[in-house]
Amino acid sequence: MTSTFTTEAPSGATPSEATALIDRLSEWVVELRNASSIATGIIWGRSGMVLTNAHCIHDGEDPLIVTRLGTRRGRLLAVDGDRDLAAISVPGLAGPSLRIRDANALETGELLFAYGHPRGVRDALSMGVLHAVARHRSGEPKFVVADLRLAPGNSGGPLVDAKGQLVGINHMIVNGLGVAIPATTAARFMDRVRVARAA
C-alpha cells in the first residue's frame, strides 16, 4: 500500500458528523485480545495486516483479532520496540484505503478524535484538541500530543482529525494528555514490513 499524505485545512465537527466519523472508523478499527489485556488495532488498507502498539503484544504471542465479521487469530510479523509499533498478519482481512495526514500540517487547537476500546468498552470515541507536536532534535515529529481522554484499551487505535484522516497511533497517557505516534512514522514502518514480506 502506498500512503497518501494530505495537508487539507482542519475543520470542526457537528454531532451528526461525529456519528458519521464513528461509522467510517468502525470499518478499519479492530479489537485485539490476548491472555491478559484488550487493545485496539488498525486494518492497514488491503495489505492483510493490522497495525498496533508493540506494548499490546505480550511475549510475542499471536493475538485474537475481533472484527465486525467475527474473530480470527493473527500472526505477529514485525515489532519496532523503539517506536512502539507492531504489525500482525491476518490473511483475507481488508479495510478501506487510509488517508494519512502529516503531523507537520496540524495546527494547535485543532479538533482531534481517538477511537478504540478503552477498558473493554467497544467502539468508544473521545474528542479533544491538539496540544502540541513534540519533535526530535532533527525537527521531525516524534509525538502528537492531544488534550483528550484515553484509557487502557485505546492503545494501538487511531487518532484522527475531523475528516477521518489518520493523524497518529494512540500510544500512552502523560499528565492527563493523550500521546500518539505520528501516522507518517507508522506508515513508514508498515511500508518496510510490506517490502520485507514481498522479498
N, C-alpha and C. Protein backbone atom coordinates (compact mmCIF):
# COMPACT_ATOMS: atom_id res chain seq x y z
N MET A 1 0.83 -1.19 0.00
CA MET A 1 0.00 0.00 0.00
C MET A 1 0.87 1.24 0.00
N THR A 2 0.57 2.20 -0.83
CA THR A 2 1.28 3.45 -0.85
C THR A 2 0.50 4.47 -0.06
N SER A 3 1.13 5.09 0.93
CA SER A 3 0.44 6.04 1.77
C SER A 3 0.25 7.36 1.04
N THR A 4 -0.90 7.98 1.24
CA THR A 4 -1.20 9.27 0.63
C THR A 4 -1.20 10.32 1.71
N PHE A 5 -0.44 11.39 1.53
CA PHE A 5 -0.34 12.43 2.52
C PHE A 5 -1.13 13.64 2.05
N THR A 6 -1.78 14.31 2.98
CA THR A 6 -2.61 15.45 2.65
C THR A 6 -2.40 16.56 3.66
N THR A 7 -2.59 17.77 3.24
CA THR A 7 -2.48 18.92 4.13
C THR A 7 -3.75 19.74 4.06
N GLU A 8 -4.89 19.06 3.95
CA GLU A 8 -6.16 19.76 3.89
C GLU A 8 -6.38 20.55 5.17
N ALA A 9 -7.10 21.66 5.03
CA ALA A 9 -7.34 22.53 6.18
C ALA A 9 -8.21 21.82 7.21
N PRO A 10 -7.96 22.07 8.50
CA PRO A 10 -8.76 21.44 9.53
C PRO A 10 -10.17 22.00 9.55
N SER A 11 -11.08 21.24 10.13
CA SER A 11 -12.46 21.72 10.25
C SER A 11 -13.06 21.20 11.53
N GLY A 12 -14.20 21.77 11.94
CA GLY A 12 -14.89 21.30 13.12
C GLY A 12 -15.78 20.13 12.76
N ALA A 13 -16.56 19.66 13.75
CA ALA A 13 -17.45 18.53 13.50
C ALA A 13 -18.73 18.70 14.30
N THR A 14 -19.86 18.58 13.64
CA THR A 14 -21.15 18.61 14.32
C THR A 14 -21.43 17.22 14.88
N PRO A 15 -22.44 17.08 15.77
CA PRO A 15 -22.76 15.74 16.28
C PRO A 15 -23.05 14.73 15.18
N SER A 16 -23.77 15.13 14.14
CA SER A 16 -24.07 14.19 13.06
C SER A 16 -22.80 13.80 12.31
N GLU A 17 -21.88 14.75 12.18
CA GLU A 17 -20.61 14.43 11.52
C GLU A 17 -19.79 13.48 12.39
N ALA A 18 -19.88 13.65 13.71
CA ALA A 18 -19.16 12.74 14.61
C ALA A 18 -19.70 11.32 14.49
N THR A 19 -21.03 11.19 14.35
CA THR A 19 -21.63 9.88 14.17
C THR A 19 -21.16 9.24 12.87
N ALA A 20 -21.11 10.04 11.81
CA ALA A 20 -20.62 9.53 10.53
C ALA A 20 -19.15 9.12 10.64
N LEU A 21 -18.38 9.86 11.45
CA LEU A 21 -16.97 9.54 11.65
C LEU A 21 -16.84 8.18 12.34
N ILE A 22 -17.67 7.92 13.35
CA ILE A 22 -17.64 6.63 14.04
C ILE A 22 -17.94 5.50 13.06
N ASP A 23 -18.92 5.71 12.20
CA ASP A 23 -19.28 4.68 11.21
C ASP A 23 -18.10 4.36 10.31
N ARG A 24 -17.38 5.40 9.88
CA ARG A 24 -16.22 5.17 8.99
C ARG A 24 -15.09 4.47 9.74
N LEU A 25 -14.83 4.92 10.95
CA LEU A 25 -13.73 4.32 11.71
C LEU A 25 -13.98 2.86 12.03
N SER A 26 -15.24 2.51 12.27
CA SER A 26 -15.55 1.12 12.62
C SER A 26 -15.24 0.16 11.49
N GLU A 27 -15.04 0.68 10.26
CA GLU A 27 -14.71 -0.17 9.12
C GLU A 27 -13.26 -0.62 9.15
N TRP A 28 -12.39 0.12 9.85
CA TRP A 28 -10.97 -0.24 9.82
C TRP A 28 -10.30 -0.31 11.19
N VAL A 29 -11.11 -0.34 12.24
CA VAL A 29 -10.57 -0.49 13.58
C VAL A 29 -11.02 -1.84 14.15
N VAL A 30 -10.09 -2.57 14.77
CA VAL A 30 -10.38 -3.88 15.34
C VAL A 30 -10.01 -3.91 16.81
N GLU A 31 -10.46 -4.95 17.47
CA GLU A 31 -10.10 -5.20 18.86
C GLU A 31 -9.07 -6.32 18.90
N LEU A 32 -8.03 -6.15 19.71
CA LEU A 32 -7.02 -7.19 19.91
C LEU A 32 -7.19 -7.78 21.30
N ARG A 33 -7.21 -9.10 21.39
CA ARG A 33 -7.33 -9.77 22.68
C ARG A 33 -6.17 -10.74 22.86
N ASN A 34 -5.59 -10.70 24.04
CA ASN A 34 -4.61 -11.72 24.39
C ASN A 34 -4.91 -12.20 25.80
N ALA A 35 -4.00 -12.95 26.36
CA ALA A 35 -4.29 -13.60 27.63
C ALA A 35 -4.56 -12.62 28.77
N SER A 36 -4.00 -11.41 28.68
CA SER A 36 -4.07 -10.52 29.84
C SER A 36 -4.68 -9.15 29.58
N SER A 37 -4.99 -8.81 28.33
CA SER A 37 -5.48 -7.46 28.08
C SER A 37 -6.25 -7.37 26.77
N ILE A 38 -6.89 -6.21 26.59
CA ILE A 38 -7.58 -5.85 25.37
C ILE A 38 -6.97 -4.57 24.84
N ALA A 39 -6.78 -4.51 23.54
CA ALA A 39 -6.21 -3.31 22.91
C ALA A 39 -6.94 -3.06 21.60
N THR A 40 -6.44 -2.10 20.85
CA THR A 40 -7.04 -1.69 19.59
C THR A 40 -6.02 -1.81 18.48
N GLY A 41 -6.48 -2.07 17.27
CA GLY A 41 -5.61 -2.14 16.11
C GLY A 41 -6.28 -1.52 14.90
N ILE A 42 -5.50 -1.29 13.87
CA ILE A 42 -5.97 -0.64 12.64
C ILE A 42 -5.74 -1.57 11.46
N ILE A 43 -6.79 -1.87 10.71
CA ILE A 43 -6.63 -2.64 9.47
C ILE A 43 -5.92 -1.74 8.47
N TRP A 44 -4.76 -2.19 8.01
CA TRP A 44 -3.92 -1.35 7.15
C TRP A 44 -4.30 -1.55 5.68
N GLY A 45 -5.39 -0.91 5.28
CA GLY A 45 -5.85 -1.00 3.89
C GLY A 45 -6.14 -2.43 3.49
N ARG A 46 -5.69 -2.80 2.31
CA ARG A 46 -5.92 -4.15 1.79
C ARG A 46 -4.65 -5.01 1.87
N SER A 47 -3.78 -4.67 2.81
CA SER A 47 -2.49 -5.36 2.94
C SER A 47 -2.59 -6.70 3.65
N GLY A 48 -3.75 -6.99 4.29
CA GLY A 48 -3.84 -8.20 5.10
C GLY A 48 -3.09 -8.09 6.41
N MET A 49 -2.85 -6.84 6.86
CA MET A 49 -2.11 -6.61 8.10
C MET A 49 -2.89 -5.67 9.02
N VAL A 50 -2.62 -5.82 10.30
CA VAL A 50 -3.16 -4.93 11.33
C VAL A 50 -1.98 -4.27 12.03
N LEU A 51 -2.11 -2.97 12.26
CA LEU A 51 -1.10 -2.20 12.98
C LEU A 51 -1.58 -1.95 14.40
N THR A 52 -0.67 -2.07 15.37
CA THR A 52 -0.99 -1.74 16.76
C THR A 52 0.29 -1.31 17.45
N ASN A 53 0.21 -1.09 18.77
CA ASN A 53 1.40 -0.78 19.55
C ASN A 53 2.14 -2.07 19.90
N ALA A 54 3.46 -1.98 19.95
CA ALA A 54 4.25 -3.14 20.35
C ALA A 54 3.93 -3.56 21.78
N HIS A 55 3.62 -2.59 22.65
CA HIS A 55 3.37 -2.96 24.05
C HIS A 55 2.04 -3.70 24.23
N CYS A 56 1.25 -3.78 23.17
CA CYS A 56 0.00 -4.55 23.21
C CYS A 56 0.22 -6.03 22.91
N ILE A 57 1.43 -6.37 22.47
CA ILE A 57 1.78 -7.76 22.15
C ILE A 57 2.62 -8.31 23.29
N HIS A 58 2.12 -9.31 24.00
CA HIS A 58 2.79 -9.82 25.19
C HIS A 58 3.57 -11.08 24.86
N ASP A 59 4.89 -11.02 25.12
CA ASP A 59 5.76 -12.18 24.93
C ASP A 59 5.68 -12.74 23.52
N GLY A 60 5.47 -11.86 22.55
CA GLY A 60 5.45 -12.28 21.15
C GLY A 60 4.28 -13.15 20.76
N GLU A 61 3.24 -13.20 21.58
CA GLU A 61 2.11 -14.07 21.27
C GLU A 61 1.29 -13.52 20.10
N ASP A 62 0.58 -14.41 19.45
CA ASP A 62 -0.29 -14.04 18.33
C ASP A 62 -1.68 -13.73 18.89
N PRO A 63 -2.14 -12.48 18.78
CA PRO A 63 -3.42 -12.11 19.41
C PRO A 63 -4.63 -12.53 18.59
N LEU A 64 -5.78 -12.55 19.26
CA LEU A 64 -7.05 -12.71 18.57
C LEU A 64 -7.46 -11.35 18.02
N ILE A 65 -7.94 -11.34 16.79
CA ILE A 65 -8.39 -10.11 16.13
C ILE A 65 -9.91 -10.18 16.02
N VAL A 66 -10.58 -9.23 16.66
CA VAL A 66 -12.04 -9.20 16.66
C VAL A 66 -12.51 -8.09 15.72
N THR A 67 -13.26 -8.47 14.70
CA THR A 67 -13.81 -7.52 13.74
C THR A 67 -15.33 -7.57 13.79
N ARG A 68 -15.96 -6.74 12.99
CA ARG A 68 -17.42 -6.76 12.91
C ARG A 68 -17.94 -8.08 12.33
N LEU A 69 -17.06 -8.80 11.62
CA LEU A 69 -17.47 -10.03 10.95
C LEU A 69 -17.09 -11.30 11.70
N GLY A 70 -16.42 -11.13 12.84
CA GLY A 70 -16.04 -12.31 13.60
C GLY A 70 -14.65 -12.20 14.20
N THR A 71 -14.15 -13.31 14.71
CA THR A 71 -12.87 -13.36 15.40
C THR A 71 -11.95 -14.34 14.70
N ARG A 72 -10.68 -13.95 14.55
CA ARG A 72 -9.70 -14.86 13.97
C ARG A 72 -8.35 -14.62 14.63
N ARG A 73 -7.47 -15.58 14.49
CA ARG A 73 -6.14 -15.49 15.09
C ARG A 73 -5.19 -14.79 14.13
N GLY A 74 -4.50 -13.76 14.61
CA GLY A 74 -3.48 -13.10 13.81
C GLY A 74 -2.12 -13.72 14.06
N ARG A 75 -1.15 -13.34 13.23
CA ARG A 75 0.22 -13.82 13.41
C ARG A 75 1.16 -12.63 13.45
N LEU A 76 1.92 -12.52 14.52
CA LEU A 76 2.84 -11.40 14.67
C LEU A 76 3.90 -11.44 13.59
N LEU A 77 4.04 -10.32 12.86
CA LEU A 77 5.00 -10.24 11.76
C LEU A 77 6.27 -9.48 12.13
N ALA A 78 6.10 -8.32 12.74
CA ALA A 78 7.25 -7.45 13.00
C ALA A 78 6.95 -6.54 14.17
N VAL A 79 8.01 -6.19 14.89
CA VAL A 79 7.91 -5.28 16.02
C VAL A 79 9.02 -4.24 15.93
N ASP A 80 8.67 -2.98 16.15
CA ASP A 80 9.65 -1.91 16.30
C ASP A 80 9.50 -1.39 17.72
N GLY A 81 10.33 -1.93 18.61
CA GLY A 81 10.22 -1.58 20.02
C GLY A 81 10.55 -0.13 20.30
N ASP A 82 11.46 0.47 19.52
CA ASP A 82 11.83 1.87 19.74
C ASP A 82 10.67 2.80 19.47
N ARG A 83 9.85 2.46 18.49
CA ARG A 83 8.71 3.31 18.13
C ARG A 83 7.39 2.75 18.63
N ASP A 84 7.45 1.64 19.35
CA ASP A 84 6.26 1.00 19.94
C ASP A 84 5.22 0.67 18.88
N LEU A 85 5.66 0.02 17.80
CA LEU A 85 4.76 -0.38 16.72
C LEU A 85 4.90 -1.87 16.45
N ALA A 86 3.79 -2.49 16.06
CA ALA A 86 3.80 -3.91 15.72
C ALA A 86 2.86 -4.14 14.55
N ALA A 87 3.24 -5.08 13.68
CA ALA A 87 2.42 -5.47 12.53
C ALA A 87 2.00 -6.92 12.70
N ILE A 88 0.73 -7.19 12.45
CA ILE A 88 0.15 -8.53 12.60
C ILE A 88 -0.46 -8.95 11.28
N SER A 89 -0.15 -10.16 10.84
CA SER A 89 -0.72 -10.69 9.61
C SER A 89 -2.08 -11.32 9.91
N VAL A 90 -3.09 -10.92 9.12
CA VAL A 90 -4.42 -11.51 9.22
C VAL A 90 -4.89 -11.75 7.78
N PRO A 91 -4.52 -12.87 7.18
CA PRO A 91 -4.85 -13.13 5.77
C PRO A 91 -6.34 -12.97 5.49
N GLY A 92 -6.63 -12.29 4.38
CA GLY A 92 -8.01 -12.10 3.96
C GLY A 92 -8.69 -10.90 4.58
N LEU A 93 -8.08 -10.32 5.61
CA LEU A 93 -8.68 -9.15 6.25
C LEU A 93 -8.33 -7.90 5.45
N ALA A 94 -9.34 -7.11 5.11
CA ALA A 94 -9.10 -5.90 4.31
C ALA A 94 -10.02 -4.79 4.78
N GLY A 95 -9.53 -3.58 4.70
CA GLY A 95 -10.32 -2.41 5.06
C GLY A 95 -10.20 -1.37 3.97
N PRO A 96 -10.87 -0.24 4.13
CA PRO A 96 -10.78 0.83 3.14
C PRO A 96 -9.39 1.46 3.14
N SER A 97 -9.08 2.16 2.07
CA SER A 97 -7.80 2.86 1.99
C SER A 97 -7.74 3.94 3.07
N LEU A 98 -6.60 4.05 3.71
CA LEU A 98 -6.43 5.03 4.77
C LEU A 98 -5.91 6.34 4.19
N ARG A 99 -6.41 7.41 4.73
CA ARG A 99 -5.89 8.74 4.39
C ARG A 99 -4.99 9.19 5.53
N ILE A 100 -3.71 9.39 5.21
CA ILE A 100 -2.71 9.74 6.20
C ILE A 100 -2.46 11.24 6.18
N ARG A 101 -2.42 11.84 7.37
CA ARG A 101 -2.14 13.28 7.46
C ARG A 101 -0.82 13.51 8.17
N ASP A 102 0.03 14.30 7.56
CA ASP A 102 1.34 14.62 8.11
C ASP A 102 1.17 15.51 9.34
N ALA A 103 1.84 15.15 10.44
CA ALA A 103 1.75 15.94 11.67
C ALA A 103 2.24 17.37 11.47
N ASN A 104 3.10 17.58 10.48
CA ASN A 104 3.60 18.94 10.21
C ASN A 104 2.48 19.87 9.77
N ALA A 105 1.36 19.31 9.30
CA ALA A 105 0.24 20.13 8.82
C ALA A 105 -0.78 20.42 9.92
N LEU A 106 -0.58 19.86 11.11
CA LEU A 106 -1.53 20.08 12.20
C LEU A 106 -1.38 21.48 12.79
N GLU A 107 -2.48 21.98 13.34
CA GLU A 107 -2.50 23.29 13.97
C GLU A 107 -2.93 23.16 15.42
N THR A 108 -2.22 23.83 16.33
CA THR A 108 -2.56 23.79 17.74
C THR A 108 -4.02 24.22 17.94
N GLY A 109 -4.75 23.47 18.74
CA GLY A 109 -6.16 23.75 18.98
C GLY A 109 -7.09 23.04 18.04
N GLU A 110 -6.54 22.35 17.06
CA GLU A 110 -7.37 21.62 16.09
C GLU A 110 -8.10 20.46 16.76
N LEU A 111 -9.33 20.22 16.34
CA LEU A 111 -10.15 19.17 16.89
C LEU A 111 -9.64 17.80 16.43
N LEU A 112 -9.44 16.88 17.40
CA LEU A 112 -8.98 15.52 17.12
C LEU A 112 -9.85 14.51 17.85
N PHE A 113 -9.85 13.27 17.34
CA PHE A 113 -10.68 12.22 17.90
C PHE A 113 -9.85 10.95 18.08
N ALA A 114 -10.04 10.29 19.22
CA ALA A 114 -9.42 8.98 19.47
C ALA A 114 -10.52 7.93 19.50
N TYR A 115 -10.28 6.83 18.82
CA TYR A 115 -11.28 5.77 18.72
C TYR A 115 -10.66 4.45 19.17
N GLY A 116 -11.40 3.68 19.95
CA GLY A 116 -10.85 2.41 20.39
C GLY A 116 -11.77 1.71 21.38
N HIS A 117 -11.14 0.89 22.24
CA HIS A 117 -11.90 0.05 23.16
C HIS A 117 -11.37 0.21 24.58
N PRO A 118 -11.48 1.42 25.16
CA PRO A 118 -10.90 1.66 26.49
C PRO A 118 -11.57 0.83 27.56
N ARG A 119 -10.74 0.14 28.35
CA ARG A 119 -11.21 -0.72 29.45
C ARG A 119 -12.27 -1.72 28.97
N GLY A 120 -12.13 -2.15 27.71
CA GLY A 120 -13.02 -3.16 27.17
C GLY A 120 -14.35 -2.62 26.66
N VAL A 121 -14.55 -1.30 26.71
CA VAL A 121 -15.77 -0.69 26.16
C VAL A 121 -15.55 -0.52 24.66
N ARG A 122 -16.28 -1.28 23.86
CA ARG A 122 -16.03 -1.29 22.42
C ARG A 122 -16.52 0.00 21.75
N ASP A 123 -15.77 0.40 20.74
CA ASP A 123 -16.17 1.48 19.83
C ASP A 123 -16.46 2.79 20.56
N ALA A 124 -15.53 3.20 21.42
CA ALA A 124 -15.67 4.45 22.15
C ALA A 124 -14.91 5.56 21.44
N LEU A 125 -15.50 6.75 21.41
CA LEU A 125 -14.90 7.90 20.75
C LEU A 125 -14.63 8.98 21.78
N SER A 126 -13.39 9.51 21.80
CA SER A 126 -13.02 10.63 22.65
C SER A 126 -12.68 11.82 21.77
N MET A 127 -13.04 13.01 22.22
CA MET A 127 -12.78 14.22 21.44
C MET A 127 -11.96 15.20 22.26
N GLY A 128 -11.01 15.86 21.60
CA GLY A 128 -10.21 16.87 22.27
C GLY A 128 -9.51 17.74 21.24
N VAL A 129 -8.52 18.48 21.68
CA VAL A 129 -7.82 19.39 20.77
C VAL A 129 -6.32 19.10 20.80
N LEU A 130 -5.67 19.44 19.71
CA LEU A 130 -4.22 19.28 19.63
C LEU A 130 -3.54 20.21 20.63
N HIS A 131 -2.71 19.62 21.45
CA HIS A 131 -1.94 20.37 22.44
C HIS A 131 -0.60 20.82 21.83
N ALA A 132 0.10 19.87 21.21
CA ALA A 132 1.41 20.18 20.62
C ALA A 132 1.87 19.01 19.77
N VAL A 133 2.83 19.26 18.91
CA VAL A 133 3.57 18.22 18.20
C VAL A 133 4.99 18.23 18.76
N ALA A 134 5.34 17.19 19.51
CA ALA A 134 6.70 17.08 20.05
C ALA A 134 7.63 16.60 18.94
N ARG A 135 8.85 17.12 18.93
CA ARG A 135 9.75 16.84 17.81
C ARG A 135 11.10 16.30 18.26
N HIS A 136 11.71 15.51 17.38
CA HIS A 136 13.10 15.10 17.55
C HIS A 136 14.00 16.32 17.36
N ARG A 137 15.24 16.17 17.72
CA ARG A 137 16.19 17.27 17.52
C ARG A 137 16.31 17.65 16.05
N SER A 138 16.06 16.68 15.18
CA SER A 138 16.12 16.94 13.74
C SER A 138 14.94 17.78 13.26
N GLY A 139 13.93 17.95 14.10
CA GLY A 139 12.72 18.67 13.71
C GLY A 139 11.60 17.76 13.24
N GLU A 140 11.91 16.47 13.05
CA GLU A 140 10.88 15.52 12.62
C GLU A 140 9.89 15.27 13.76
N PRO A 141 8.59 15.20 13.45
CA PRO A 141 7.61 14.93 14.50
C PRO A 141 7.90 13.62 15.24
N LYS A 142 7.84 13.67 16.56
CA LYS A 142 8.08 12.50 17.40
C LYS A 142 6.77 11.99 18.00
N PHE A 143 5.96 12.90 18.54
CA PHE A 143 4.67 12.55 19.12
C PHE A 143 3.64 13.63 18.80
N VAL A 144 2.40 13.20 18.68
CA VAL A 144 1.27 14.12 18.60
C VAL A 144 0.61 14.09 19.97
N VAL A 145 0.52 15.25 20.63
CA VAL A 145 0.00 15.34 21.99
C VAL A 145 -1.33 16.08 21.96
N ALA A 146 -2.37 15.42 22.47
CA ALA A 146 -3.72 15.98 22.41
C ALA A 146 -4.37 15.98 23.78
N ASP A 147 -5.18 17.00 24.05
CA ASP A 147 -5.91 17.12 25.30
C ASP A 147 -7.22 16.37 25.16
N LEU A 148 -7.14 15.03 25.27
CA LEU A 148 -8.34 14.19 25.19
C LEU A 148 -8.18 12.99 26.11
N ARG A 149 -9.29 12.33 26.38
CA ARG A 149 -9.31 11.24 27.35
C ARG A 149 -8.94 9.92 26.67
N LEU A 150 -7.91 9.26 27.20
CA LEU A 150 -7.55 7.91 26.79
C LEU A 150 -7.54 7.02 28.03
N ALA A 151 -7.65 5.72 27.81
CA ALA A 151 -7.59 4.75 28.90
C ALA A 151 -7.00 3.47 28.35
N PRO A 152 -6.53 2.55 29.23
CA PRO A 152 -6.04 1.27 28.74
C PRO A 152 -7.07 0.61 27.83
N GLY A 153 -6.63 0.17 26.67
CA GLY A 153 -7.53 -0.35 25.65
C GLY A 153 -7.58 0.53 24.43
N ASN A 154 -7.24 1.84 24.61
CA ASN A 154 -7.12 2.75 23.47
C ASN A 154 -5.80 2.52 22.71
N SER A 155 -4.82 1.93 23.38
CA SER A 155 -3.50 1.74 22.77
C SER A 155 -3.60 1.03 21.43
N GLY A 156 -2.88 1.55 20.44
CA GLY A 156 -2.87 0.95 19.11
C GLY A 156 -3.97 1.44 18.20
N GLY A 157 -4.90 2.22 18.75
CA GLY A 157 -6.00 2.72 17.95
C GLY A 157 -5.69 4.04 17.28
N PRO A 158 -6.60 4.51 16.43
CA PRO A 158 -6.33 5.72 15.65
C PRO A 158 -6.65 7.02 16.38
N LEU A 159 -5.82 8.00 16.13
CA LEU A 159 -6.11 9.40 16.41
C LEU A 159 -6.33 10.06 15.06
N VAL A 160 -7.51 10.64 14.86
CA VAL A 160 -7.86 11.19 13.55
C VAL A 160 -8.30 12.64 13.68
N ASP A 161 -8.29 13.33 12.54
CA ASP A 161 -8.85 14.68 12.52
C ASP A 161 -10.34 14.60 12.21
N ALA A 162 -11.00 15.75 12.08
CA ALA A 162 -12.44 15.79 11.90
C ALA A 162 -12.87 15.22 10.55
N LYS A 163 -11.94 15.07 9.62
CA LYS A 163 -12.26 14.49 8.32
C LYS A 163 -11.96 13.00 8.25
N GLY A 164 -11.54 12.42 9.37
CA GLY A 164 -11.25 11.00 9.40
C GLY A 164 -9.87 10.64 8.89
N GLN A 165 -9.01 11.63 8.72
CA GLN A 165 -7.64 11.35 8.28
C GLN A 165 -6.80 10.90 9.48
N LEU A 166 -6.01 9.86 9.27
CA LEU A 166 -5.21 9.30 10.36
C LEU A 166 -4.06 10.24 10.71
N VAL A 167 -4.07 10.69 11.95
CA VAL A 167 -3.06 11.63 12.45
C VAL A 167 -1.99 10.89 13.26
N GLY A 168 -2.42 9.88 14.03
CA GLY A 168 -1.46 9.18 14.87
C GLY A 168 -2.02 7.86 15.38
N ILE A 169 -1.13 7.11 16.05
CA ILE A 169 -1.48 5.84 16.69
C ILE A 169 -1.40 6.06 18.20
N ASN A 170 -2.53 5.94 18.88
CA ASN A 170 -2.56 6.22 20.32
C ASN A 170 -1.57 5.33 21.06
N HIS A 171 -0.77 5.96 21.93
CA HIS A 171 0.44 5.33 22.48
C HIS A 171 0.43 5.28 24.00
N MET A 172 0.14 6.40 24.66
CA MET A 172 0.18 6.42 26.13
C MET A 172 -0.47 7.71 26.63
N ILE A 173 -0.57 7.80 27.97
CA ILE A 173 -1.11 8.98 28.63
C ILE A 173 0.00 9.59 29.48
N VAL A 174 0.22 10.88 29.33
CA VAL A 174 1.24 11.58 30.11
C VAL A 174 0.61 12.84 30.70
N ASN A 175 0.57 12.90 32.03
CA ASN A 175 0.00 14.06 32.72
C ASN A 175 -1.40 14.39 32.21
N GLY A 176 -2.18 13.36 31.95
CA GLY A 176 -3.55 13.56 31.52
C GLY A 176 -3.72 13.84 30.04
N LEU A 177 -2.64 13.92 29.30
CA LEU A 177 -2.70 14.19 27.86
C LEU A 177 -2.49 12.90 27.08
N GLY A 178 -3.21 12.76 25.97
CA GLY A 178 -3.02 11.61 25.09
C GLY A 178 -1.82 11.82 24.18
N VAL A 179 -0.98 10.82 24.09
CA VAL A 179 0.23 10.89 23.26
C VAL A 179 0.12 9.83 22.17
N ALA A 180 0.33 10.25 20.92
CA ALA A 180 0.21 9.35 19.78
C ALA A 180 1.47 9.38 18.93
N ILE A 181 1.77 8.26 18.31
CA ILE A 181 2.88 8.16 17.36
C ILE A 181 2.39 8.72 16.03
N PRO A 182 3.14 9.62 15.39
CA PRO A 182 2.67 10.21 14.13
C PRO A 182 2.32 9.15 13.09
N ALA A 183 1.25 9.40 12.35
CA ALA A 183 0.80 8.45 11.34
C ALA A 183 1.86 8.24 10.26
N THR A 184 2.63 9.26 9.96
CA THR A 184 3.68 9.11 8.94
C THR A 184 4.75 8.14 9.41
N THR A 185 5.08 8.15 10.70
CA THR A 185 6.04 7.19 11.25
C THR A 185 5.49 5.77 11.13
N ALA A 186 4.21 5.61 11.45
CA ALA A 186 3.57 4.30 11.35
C ALA A 186 3.53 3.82 9.90
N ALA A 187 3.26 4.73 8.97
CA ALA A 187 3.17 4.37 7.55
C ALA A 187 4.52 3.88 7.04
N ARG A 188 5.60 4.52 7.46
CA ARG A 188 6.93 4.07 7.03
C ARG A 188 7.23 2.68 7.58
N PHE A 189 6.85 2.44 8.84
CA PHE A 189 7.04 1.11 9.43
C PHE A 189 6.28 0.06 8.64
N MET A 190 5.02 0.32 8.34
CA MET A 190 4.21 -0.66 7.62
C MET A 190 4.72 -0.87 6.19
N ASP A 191 5.23 0.17 5.57
CA ASP A 191 5.82 0.02 4.24
C ASP A 191 7.04 -0.90 4.29
N ARG A 192 7.87 -0.76 5.35
CA ARG A 192 9.05 -1.63 5.50
C ARG A 192 8.61 -3.08 5.70
N VAL A 193 7.57 -3.29 6.50
CA VAL A 193 7.08 -4.66 6.73
C VAL A 193 6.56 -5.25 5.43
N ARG A 194 5.82 -4.46 4.66
CA ARG A 194 5.26 -4.95 3.39
C ARG A 194 6.37 -5.34 2.44
N VAL A 195 7.41 -4.53 2.34
CA VAL A 195 8.54 -4.83 1.45
C VAL A 195 9.25 -6.10 1.90
N ALA A 196 9.44 -6.25 3.22
CA ALA A 196 10.12 -7.44 3.75
C ALA A 196 9.31 -8.70 3.47
N ARG A 197 7.98 -8.59 3.54
CA ARG A 197 7.12 -9.77 3.24
C ARG A 197 7.24 -10.17 1.78
N ALA A 198 7.39 -9.19 0.92
CA ALA A 198 7.43 -9.47 -0.52
C ALA A 198 8.77 -9.99 -0.98
N ALA A 199 9.82 -9.80 -0.16
CA ALA A 199 11.18 -10.20 -0.57
C ALA A 199 11.31 -11.72 -0.60
